[in-house]
PDB file of all heavy atoms in Angstrom:
ATOM      1  N   ASN A   1      68.921  24.017 -12.900  1.00  0.00           N
ATOM      2  CA  ASN A   1      69.956  23.048 -13.266  1.00  0.00           C
ATOM      3  C   ASN A   1      69.616  21.609 -12.891  1.00  0.00           C
ATOM      4  O   ASN A   1      70.446  20.717 -13.044  1.00  0.00           O
ATOM      5  CB  ASN A   1      71.298  23.442 -12.625  1.00  0.00           C
ATOM      6  CG  ASN A   1      71.227  23.518 -11.110  1.00  0.00           C
ATOM      7  OD1 ASN A   1      70.219  23.146 -10.510  1.00  0.00           O
ATOM      8  ND2 ASN A   1      72.294  24.005 -10.496  1.00  0.00           N
ATOM      9  N   LYS A   2      68.404  21.363 -12.389  1.00  0.00           N
ATOM     10  CA  LYS A   2      67.994  20.003 -12.047  1.00  0.00           C
ATOM     11  C   LYS A   2      67.210  19.321 -13.174  1.00  0.00           C
ATOM     12  O   LYS A   2      66.680  18.236 -13.000  1.00  0.00           O
ATOM     13  CB  LYS A   2      67.156  20.006 -10.768  1.00  0.00           C
ATOM     14  CG  LYS A   2      67.938  20.386  -9.519  1.00  0.00           C
ATOM     15  CD  LYS A   2      67.078  20.263  -8.269  1.00  0.00           C
ATOM     16  CE  LYS A   2      67.900  20.585  -7.027  1.00  0.00           C
ATOM     17  NZ  LYS A   2      67.074  20.445  -5.786  1.00  0.00           N
ATOM     18  N   SER A   3      67.129  19.981 -14.310  1.00  0.00           N
ATOM     19  CA  SER A   3      66.374  19.419 -15.425  1.00  0.00           C
ATOM     20  C   SER A   3      67.020  18.125 -15.925  1.00  0.00           C
ATOM     21  O   SER A   3      68.223  17.905 -15.752  1.00  0.00           O
ATOM     22  CB  SER A   3      66.277  20.427 -16.574  1.00  0.00           C
ATOM     23  OG  SER A   3      67.560  20.756 -17.065  1.00  0.00           O
ATOM     24  N   PHE A   4      66.215  17.277 -16.541  1.00  0.00           N
ATOM     25  CA  PHE A   4      66.669  15.975 -17.017  1.00  0.00           C
ATOM     26  C   PHE A   4      67.612  16.136 -18.203  1.00  0.00           C
ATOM     27  O   PHE A   4      67.275  16.751 -19.199  1.00  0.00           O
ATOM     28  CB  PHE A   4      65.446  15.136 -17.419  1.00  0.00           C
ATOM     29  CG  PHE A   4      65.771  13.731 -17.816  1.00  0.00           C
ATOM     30  CD1 PHE A   4      65.976  12.745 -16.859  1.00  0.00           C
ATOM     31  CD2 PHE A   4      65.857  13.369 -19.151  1.00  0.00           C
ATOM     32  CE1 PHE A   4      66.264  11.434 -17.221  1.00  0.00           C
ATOM     33  CE2 PHE A   4      66.143  12.061 -19.528  1.00  0.00           C
ATOM     34  CZ  PHE A   4      66.353  11.093 -18.556  1.00  0.00           C
ATOM     35  N   LYS A   5      68.802  15.559 -18.081  1.00  0.00           N
ATOM     36  CA  LYS A   5      69.816  15.650 -19.137  1.00  0.00           C
ATOM     37  C   LYS A   5      70.298  14.233 -19.470  1.00  0.00           C
ATOM     38  O   LYS A   5      71.210  13.711 -18.830  1.00  0.00           O
ATOM     39  CB  LYS A   5      70.980  16.528 -18.697  1.00  0.00           C
ATOM     40  CG  LYS A   5      70.601  17.981 -18.405  1.00  0.00           C
ATOM     41  CD  LYS A   5      71.806  18.782 -17.959  1.00  0.00           C
ATOM     42  CE  LYS A   5      71.455  20.235 -17.688  1.00  0.00           C
ATOM     43  NZ  LYS A   5      70.514  20.375 -16.547  1.00  0.00           N
ATOM     44  N   PRO A   6      69.701  13.598 -20.464  1.00  0.00           N
ATOM     45  CA  PRO A   6      70.066  12.215 -20.789  1.00  0.00           C
ATOM     46  C   PRO A   6      71.486  12.079 -21.322  1.00  0.00           C
ATOM     47  O   PRO A   6      72.003  12.970 -21.990  1.00  0.00           O
ATOM     48  CB  PRO A   6      69.032  11.823 -21.853  1.00  0.00           C
ATOM     49  CG  PRO A   6      68.623  13.115 -22.479  1.00  0.00           C
ATOM     50  CD  PRO A   6      68.659  14.126 -21.379  1.00  0.00           C
ATOM     51  N   ASN A   7      72.098  10.960 -21.013  1.00  0.00           N
ATOM     52  CA  ASN A   7      73.436  10.656 -21.542  1.00  0.00           C
ATOM     53  C   ASN A   7      73.500   9.241 -22.123  1.00  0.00           C
ATOM     54  O   ASN A   7      74.572   8.696 -22.371  1.00  0.00           O
ATOM     55  CB  ASN A   7      74.504  10.829 -20.451  1.00  0.00           C
ATOM     56  CG  ASN A   7      74.232   9.977 -19.219  1.00  0.00           C
ATOM     57  OD1 ASN A   7      73.362   9.106 -19.228  1.00  0.00           O
ATOM     58  ND2 ASN A   7      74.964  10.232 -18.144  1.00  0.00           N
ATOM     59  N   TYR A   8      72.316   8.656 -22.331  1.00  0.00           N
ATOM     60  CA  TYR A   8      72.211   7.280 -22.834  1.00  0.00           C
ATOM     61  C   TYR A   8      70.926   7.213 -23.650  1.00  0.00           C
ATOM     62  O   TYR A   8      69.861   7.611 -23.170  1.00  0.00           O
ATOM     63  CB  TYR A   8      72.142   6.339 -21.635  1.00  0.00           C
ATOM     64  CG  TYR A   8      72.250   4.856 -21.940  1.00  0.00           C
ATOM     65  CD1 TYR A   8      73.429   4.155 -21.693  1.00  0.00           C
ATOM     66  CD2 TYR A   8      71.151   4.134 -22.415  1.00  0.00           C
ATOM     67  CE1 TYR A   8      73.518   2.780 -21.931  1.00  0.00           C
ATOM     68  CE2 TYR A   8      71.237   2.766 -22.653  1.00  0.00           C
ATOM     69  CZ  TYR A   8      72.424   2.096 -22.406  1.00  0.00           C
ATOM     70  OH  TYR A   8      72.516   0.743 -22.634  1.00  0.00           O
ATOM     71  N   TYR A   9      71.039   6.721 -24.873  1.00  0.00           N
ATOM     72  CA  TYR A   9      69.878   6.723 -25.770  1.00  0.00           C
ATOM     73  C   TYR A   9      69.642   5.320 -26.333  1.00  0.00           C
ATOM     74  O   TYR A   9      70.581   4.585 -26.614  1.00  0.00           O
ATOM     75  CB  TYR A   9      70.098   7.687 -26.938  1.00  0.00           C
ATOM     76  CG  TYR A   9      70.272   9.129 -26.522  1.00  0.00           C
ATOM     77  CD1 TYR A   9      71.535   9.631 -26.193  1.00  0.00           C
ATOM     78  CD2 TYR A   9      69.184   9.999 -26.463  1.00  0.00           C
ATOM     79  CE1 TYR A   9      71.704  10.947 -25.803  1.00  0.00           C
ATOM     80  CE2 TYR A   9      69.345  11.323 -26.086  1.00  0.00           C
ATOM     81  CZ  TYR A   9      70.602  11.793 -25.747  1.00  0.00           C
ATOM     82  OH  TYR A   9      70.761  13.099 -25.369  1.00  0.00           O
ATOM     83  N   ILE A  10      68.355   4.984 -26.492  1.00  0.00           N
ATOM     84  CA  ILE A  10      67.992   3.719 -27.124  1.00  0.00           C
ATOM     85  C   ILE A  10      67.084   4.017 -28.314  1.00  0.00           C
ATOM     86  O   ILE A  10      66.090   4.746 -28.193  1.00  0.00           O
ATOM     87  CB  ILE A  10      67.288   2.780 -26.128  1.00  0.00           C
ATOM     88  CG1 ILE A  10      68.295   2.345 -25.040  1.00  0.00           C
ATOM     89  CG2 ILE A  10      66.718   1.552 -26.846  1.00  0.00           C
ATOM     90  CD1 ILE A  10      67.737   1.418 -23.989  1.00  0.00           C
ATOM     91  N   ASN A  11      67.434   3.472 -29.452  1.00  0.00           N
ATOM     92  CA  ASN A  11      66.707   3.693 -30.698  1.00  0.00           C
ATOM     93  C   ASN A  11      65.347   2.986 -30.628  1.00  0.00           C
ATOM     94  O   ASN A  11      65.268   1.770 -30.478  1.00  0.00           O
ATOM     95  CB  ASN A  11      67.531   3.145 -31.862  1.00  0.00           C
ATOM     96  CG  ASN A  11      66.899   3.432 -33.219  1.00  0.00           C
ATOM     97  OD1 ASN A  11      65.805   3.972 -33.319  1.00  0.00           O
ATOM     98  ND2 ASN A  11      67.607   3.075 -34.280  1.00  0.00           N
ATOM     99  N   ILE A  12      64.250   3.755 -30.730  1.00  0.00           N
ATOM    100  CA  ILE A  12      62.916   3.143 -30.729  1.00  0.00           C
ATOM    101  C   ILE A  12      62.165   3.499 -32.016  1.00  0.00           C
ATOM    102  O   ILE A  12      60.928   3.503 -32.030  1.00  0.00           O
ATOM    103  CB  ILE A  12      62.091   3.554 -29.491  1.00  0.00           C
ATOM    104  CG1 ILE A  12      61.842   5.071 -29.460  1.00  0.00           C
ATOM    105  CG2 ILE A  12      62.762   3.078 -28.207  1.00  0.00           C
ATOM    106  CD1 ILE A  12      60.696   5.478 -28.541  1.00  0.00           C
ATOM    107  N   THR A  13      62.909   3.761 -33.079  1.00  0.00           N
ATOM    108  CA  THR A  13      62.276   4.082 -34.364  1.00  0.00           C
ATOM    109  C   THR A  13      61.310   2.971 -34.790  1.00  0.00           C
ATOM    110  O   THR A  13      60.219   3.249 -35.294  1.00  0.00           O
ATOM    111  CB  THR A  13      63.351   4.307 -35.447  1.00  0.00           C
ATOM    112  OG1 THR A  13      64.231   5.362 -35.012  1.00  0.00           O
ATOM    113  CG2 THR A  13      62.700   4.703 -36.771  1.00  0.00           C
ATOM    114  N   GLY A  14      61.709   1.739 -34.569  1.00  0.00           N
ATOM    115  CA  GLY A  14      60.859   0.615 -34.949  1.00  0.00           C
ATOM    116  C   GLY A  14      59.776   0.298 -33.931  1.00  0.00           C
ATOM    117  O   GLY A  14      58.921  -0.555 -34.187  1.00  0.00           O
ATOM    118  N   GLN A  15      59.796   0.985 -32.780  1.00  0.00           N
ATOM    119  CA  GLN A  15      58.839   0.690 -31.710  1.00  0.00           C
ATOM    120  C   GLN A  15      57.919   1.860 -31.366  1.00  0.00           C
ATOM    121  O   GLN A  15      57.041   1.721 -30.510  1.00  0.00           O
ATOM    122  CB  GLN A  15      59.600   0.274 -30.429  1.00  0.00           C
ATOM    123  CG  GLN A  15      60.329  -1.043 -30.502  1.00  0.00           C
ATOM    124  CD  GLN A  15      61.626  -0.980 -31.292  1.00  0.00           C
ATOM    125  OE1 GLN A  15      62.343   0.019 -31.226  1.00  0.00           O
ATOM    126  NE2 GLN A  15      61.939  -2.041 -32.027  1.00  0.00           N
ATOM    127  N   ILE A  16      58.094   2.998 -32.014  1.00  0.00           N
ATOM    128  CA  ILE A  16      57.328   4.185 -31.616  1.00  0.00           C
ATOM    129  C   ILE A  16      55.820   3.972 -31.760  1.00  0.00           C
ATOM    130  O   ILE A  16      55.039   4.392 -30.897  1.00  0.00           O
ATOM    131  CB  ILE A  16      57.796   5.447 -32.398  1.00  0.00           C
ATOM    132  CG1 ILE A  16      57.047   6.695 -31.902  1.00  0.00           C
ATOM    133  CG2 ILE A  16      57.677   5.262 -33.889  1.00  0.00           C
ATOM    134  CD1 ILE A  16      57.270   7.037 -30.450  1.00  0.00           C
ATOM    135  N   GLU A  17      55.389   3.328 -32.826  1.00  0.00           N
ATOM    136  CA  GLU A  17      53.947   3.129 -33.018  1.00  0.00           C
ATOM    137  C   GLU A  17      53.385   2.171 -31.963  1.00  0.00           C
ATOM    138  O   GLU A  17      52.264   2.366 -31.476  1.00  0.00           O
ATOM    139  CB  GLU A  17      53.656   2.622 -34.430  1.00  0.00           C
ATOM    140  CG  GLU A  17      54.046   3.588 -35.532  1.00  0.00           C
ATOM    141  CD  GLU A  17      53.447   4.980 -35.348  1.00  0.00           C
ATOM    142  OE1 GLU A  17      52.301   5.081 -34.852  1.00  0.00           O
ATOM    143  OE2 GLU A  17      54.119   5.969 -35.698  1.00  0.00           O
ATOM    144  N   ASP A  18      54.153   1.151 -31.601  1.00  0.00           N
ATOM    145  CA  ASP A  18      53.708   0.243 -30.550  1.00  0.00           C
ATOM    146  C   ASP A  18      53.705   0.937 -29.191  1.00  0.00           C
ATOM    147  O   ASP A  18      52.887   0.609 -28.319  1.00  0.00           O
ATOM    148  CB  ASP A  18      54.601  -0.998 -30.500  1.00  0.00           C
ATOM    149  CG  ASP A  18      54.293  -1.985 -31.619  1.00  0.00           C
ATOM    150  OD1 ASP A  18      53.138  -1.999 -32.084  1.00  0.00           O
ATOM    151  OD2 ASP A  18      55.202  -2.722 -32.024  1.00  0.00           O
ATOM    152  N   LYS A  19      54.617   1.876 -28.990  1.00  0.00           N
ATOM    153  CA  LYS A  19      54.607   2.650 -27.749  1.00  0.00           C
ATOM    154  C   LYS A  19      53.325   3.477 -27.662  1.00  0.00           C
ATOM    155  O   LYS A  19      52.683   3.529 -26.597  1.00  0.00           O
ATOM    156  CB  LYS A  19      55.830   3.570 -27.667  1.00  0.00           C
ATOM    157  CG  LYS A  19      55.809   4.497 -26.453  1.00  0.00           C
ATOM    158  CD  LYS A  19      57.104   5.242 -26.242  1.00  0.00           C
ATOM    159  CE  LYS A  19      56.985   6.142 -25.019  1.00  0.00           C
ATOM    160  NZ  LYS A  19      58.278   6.682 -24.555  1.00  0.00           N
ATOM    161  N   ILE A  20      52.942   4.105 -28.750  1.00  0.00           N
ATOM    162  CA  ILE A  20      51.712   4.900 -28.783  1.00  0.00           C
ATOM    163  C   ILE A  20      50.501   3.998 -28.535  1.00  0.00           C
ATOM    164  O   ILE A  20      49.586   4.360 -27.764  1.00  0.00           O
ATOM    165  CB  ILE A  20      51.568   5.645 -30.123  1.00  0.00           C
ATOM    166  CG1 ILE A  20      52.737   6.641 -30.320  1.00  0.00           C
ATOM    167  CG2 ILE A  20      50.225   6.353 -30.201  1.00  0.00           C
ATOM    168  CD1 ILE A  20      52.847   7.702 -29.266  1.00  0.00           C
ATOM    169  N   LYS A  21      50.470   2.836 -29.165  1.00  0.00           N
ATOM    170  CA  LYS A  21      49.364   1.885 -28.940  1.00  0.00           C
ATOM    171  C   LYS A  21      49.300   1.468 -27.474  1.00  0.00           C
ATOM    172  O   LYS A  21      48.209   1.344 -26.898  1.00  0.00           O
ATOM    173  CB  LYS A  21      49.551   0.648 -29.819  1.00  0.00           C
ATOM    174  CG  LYS A  21      49.276   0.868 -31.296  1.00  0.00           C
ATOM    175  CD  LYS A  21      49.504  -0.420 -32.082  1.00  0.00           C
ATOM    176  CE  LYS A  21      49.310  -0.202 -33.575  1.00  0.00           C
ATOM    177  NZ  LYS A  21      49.593  -1.444 -34.359  1.00  0.00           N
ATOM    178  N   SER A  22      50.457   1.258 -26.879  1.00  0.00           N
ATOM    179  CA  SER A  22      50.512   0.863 -25.469  1.00  0.00           C
ATOM    180  C   SER A  22      49.996   1.972 -24.568  1.00  0.00           C
ATOM    181  O   SER A  22      49.265   1.712 -23.596  1.00  0.00           O
ATOM    182  CB  SER A  22      51.945   0.500 -25.076  1.00  0.00           C
ATOM    183  OG  SER A  22      52.416  -0.605 -25.822  1.00  0.00           O
ATOM    184  N   LEU A  23      50.348   3.201 -24.882  1.00  0.00           N
ATOM    185  CA  LEU A  23      49.891   4.342 -24.086  1.00  0.00           C
ATOM    186  C   LEU A  23      48.370   4.447 -24.093  1.00  0.00           C
ATOM    187  O   LEU A  23      47.753   4.828 -23.095  1.00  0.00           O
ATOM    188  CB  LEU A  23      50.522   5.629 -24.613  1.00  0.00           C
ATOM    189  CG  LEU A  23      50.188   6.916 -23.855  1.00  0.00           C
ATOM    190  CD1 LEU A  23      50.634   6.815 -22.400  1.00  0.00           C
ATOM    191  CD2 LEU A  23      50.845   8.114 -24.531  1.00  0.00           C
ATOM    192  N   LYS A  24      47.761   4.086 -25.192  1.00  0.00           N
ATOM    193  CA  LYS A  24      46.298   4.191 -25.329  1.00  0.00           C
ATOM    194  C   LYS A  24      45.553   3.231 -24.416  1.00  0.00           C
ATOM    195  O   LYS A  24      44.343   3.408 -24.199  1.00  0.00           O
ATOM    196  CB  LYS A  24      45.900   3.989 -26.793  1.00  0.00           C
ATOM    197  CG  LYS A  24      46.314   5.152 -27.692  1.00  0.00           C
ATOM    198  CD  LYS A  24      45.923   4.913 -29.151  1.00  0.00           C
ATOM    199  CE  LYS A  24      46.338   6.101 -30.027  1.00  0.00           C
ATOM    200  NZ  LYS A  24      46.006   5.877 -31.450  1.00  0.00           N
ATOM    201  N   PHE A  25      46.242   2.249 -23.854  1.00  0.00           N
ATOM    202  CA  PHE A  25      45.606   1.391 -22.856  1.00  0.00           C
ATOM    203  C   PHE A  25      45.251   2.194 -21.611  1.00  0.00           C
ATOM    204  O   PHE A  25      44.330   1.833 -20.879  1.00  0.00           O
ATOM    205  CB  PHE A  25      46.529   0.227 -22.480  1.00  0.00           C
ATOM    206  CG  PHE A  25      46.442  -0.943 -23.419  1.00  0.00           C
ATOM    207  CD1 PHE A  25      47.077  -0.915 -24.652  1.00  0.00           C
ATOM    208  CD2 PHE A  25      45.713  -2.074 -23.075  1.00  0.00           C
ATOM    209  CE1 PHE A  25      46.999  -2.002 -25.525  1.00  0.00           C
ATOM    210  CE2 PHE A  25      45.635  -3.160 -23.942  1.00  0.00           C
ATOM    211  CZ  PHE A  25      46.271  -3.126 -25.173  1.00  0.00           C
ATOM    212  N   TYR A  26      46.011   3.273 -21.382  1.00  0.00           N
ATOM    213  CA  TYR A  26      45.748   4.161 -20.241  1.00  0.00           C
ATOM    214  C   TYR A  26      45.013   5.413 -20.732  1.00  0.00           C
ATOM    215  O   TYR A  26      45.459   6.543 -20.510  1.00  0.00           O
ATOM    216  CB  TYR A  26      47.063   4.557 -19.571  1.00  0.00           C
ATOM    217  CG  TYR A  26      47.831   3.407 -18.971  1.00  0.00           C
ATOM    218  CD1 TYR A  26      49.004   2.946 -19.569  1.00  0.00           C
ATOM    219  CD2 TYR A  26      47.411   2.794 -17.795  1.00  0.00           C
ATOM    220  CE1 TYR A  26      49.729   1.899 -19.014  1.00  0.00           C
ATOM    221  CE2 TYR A  26      48.132   1.744 -17.228  1.00  0.00           C
ATOM    222  CZ  TYR A  26      49.287   1.306 -17.839  1.00  0.00           C
ATOM    223  OH  TYR A  26      50.008   0.272 -17.287  1.00  0.00           O
ATOM    224  N   GLU A  27      43.914   5.222 -21.381  1.00  0.00           N
ATOM    225  CA  GLU A  27      43.231   6.328 -22.056  1.00  0.00           C
ATOM    226  C   GLU A  27      42.833   7.448 -21.104  1.00  0.00           C
ATOM    227  O   GLU A  27      42.805   8.625 -21.497  1.00  0.00           O
ATOM    228  CB  GLU A  27      41.998   5.813 -22.801  1.00  0.00           C
ATOM    229  CG  GLU A  27      40.983   5.093 -21.925  1.00  0.00           C
ATOM    230  CD  GLU A  27      39.813   4.560 -22.727  1.00  0.00           C
ATOM    231  OE1 GLU A  27      39.689   4.943 -23.897  1.00  0.00           O
ATOM    232  OE2 GLU A  27      39.036   3.746 -22.188  1.00  0.00           O
ATOM    233  N   ASN A  28      42.531   7.118 -19.843  1.00  0.00           N
ATOM    234  CA  ASN A  28      42.125   8.154 -18.894  1.00  0.00           C
ATOM    235  C   ASN A  28      43.279   9.051 -18.460  1.00  0.00           C
ATOM    236  O   ASN A  28      43.060  10.109 -17.868  1.00  0.00           O
ATOM    237  CB  ASN A  28      41.493   7.514 -17.651  1.00  0.00           C
ATOM    238  CG  ASN A  28      40.157   6.867 -17.947  1.00  0.00           C
ATOM    239  OD1 ASN A  28      39.468   7.247 -18.903  1.00  0.00           O
ATOM    240  ND2 ASN A  28      39.772   5.892 -17.147  1.00  0.00           N
ATOM    241  N   GLU A  29      44.503   8.633 -18.742  1.00  0.00           N
ATOM    242  CA  GLU A  29      45.688   9.417 -18.352  1.00  0.00           C
ATOM    243  C   GLU A  29      46.226  10.260 -19.499  1.00  0.00           C
ATOM    244  O   GLU A  29      47.127  11.069 -19.304  1.00  0.00           O
ATOM    245  CB  GLU A  29      46.788   8.483 -17.852  1.00  0.00           C
ATOM    246  CG  GLU A  29      46.372   7.610 -16.684  1.00  0.00           C
ATOM    247  CD  GLU A  29      45.788   8.418 -15.540  1.00  0.00           C
ATOM    248  OE1 GLU A  29      46.418   9.417 -15.134  1.00  0.00           O
ATOM    249  OE2 GLU A  29      44.704   8.059 -15.050  1.00  0.00           O
ATOM    250  N   ILE A  30      45.690  10.067 -20.683  1.00  0.00           N
ATOM    251  CA  ILE A  30      46.142  10.841 -21.842  1.00  0.00           C
ATOM    252  C   ILE A  30      45.473  12.207 -21.834  1.00  0.00           C
ATOM    253  O   ILE A  30      44.267  12.324 -21.587  1.00  0.00           O
ATOM    254  CB  ILE A  30      45.822  10.092 -23.154  1.00  0.00           C
ATOM    255  CG1 ILE A  30      46.560   8.745 -23.189  1.00  0.00           C
ATOM    256  CG2 ILE A  30      46.215  10.933 -24.366  1.00  0.00           C
ATOM    257  CD1 ILE A  30      46.156   7.866 -24.347  1.00  0.00           C
ATOM    258  N   ARG A  31      46.236  13.252 -22.088  1.00  0.00           N
ATOM    259  CA  ARG A  31      45.720  14.617 -22.101  1.00  0.00           C
ATOM    260  C   ARG A  31      45.672  15.151 -23.530  1.00  0.00           C
ATOM    261  O   ARG A  31      46.221  14.560 -24.450  1.00  0.00           O
ATOM    262  CB  ARG A  31      46.597  15.510 -21.217  1.00  0.00           C
ATOM    263  CG  ARG A  31      46.678  15.051 -19.763  1.00  0.00           C
ATOM    264  CD  ARG A  31      45.335  15.175 -19.068  1.00  0.00           C
ATOM    265  NE  ARG A  31      45.409  14.727 -17.676  1.00  0.00           N
ATOM    266  CZ  ARG A  31      44.965  13.573 -17.229  1.00  0.00           C
ATOM    267  NH1 ARG A  31      44.441  12.700 -18.094  1.00  0.00           N
ATOM    268  NH2 ARG A  31      45.040  13.253 -15.956  1.00  0.00           N
ATOM    269  N   LYS A  32      45.055  16.293 -23.679  1.00  0.00           N
ATOM    270  CA  LYS A  32      44.953  16.909 -24.997  1.00  0.00           C
ATOM    271  C   LYS A  32      46.194  17.744 -25.289  1.00  0.00           C
ATOM    272  O   LYS A  32      46.752  18.383 -24.399  1.00  0.00           O
ATOM    273  CB  LYS A  32      43.699  17.794 -25.076  1.00  0.00           C
ATOM    274  CG  LYS A  32      42.395  17.013 -25.030  1.00  0.00           C
ATOM    275  CD  LYS A  32      41.195  17.947 -25.172  1.00  0.00           C
ATOM    276  CE  LYS A  32      39.890  17.159 -25.147  1.00  0.00           C
ATOM    277  NZ  LYS A  32      38.707  18.061 -25.290  1.00  0.00           N
TER     278      LYS A  32
END
């Protein structure tokens, strides 16, 4: 019962691709 249960959401439909690009800056932390 300690699992994460969000109650607040922010629309990132227009930002998802930029989020992925940002994640790639940390390439050594990305897993398969």
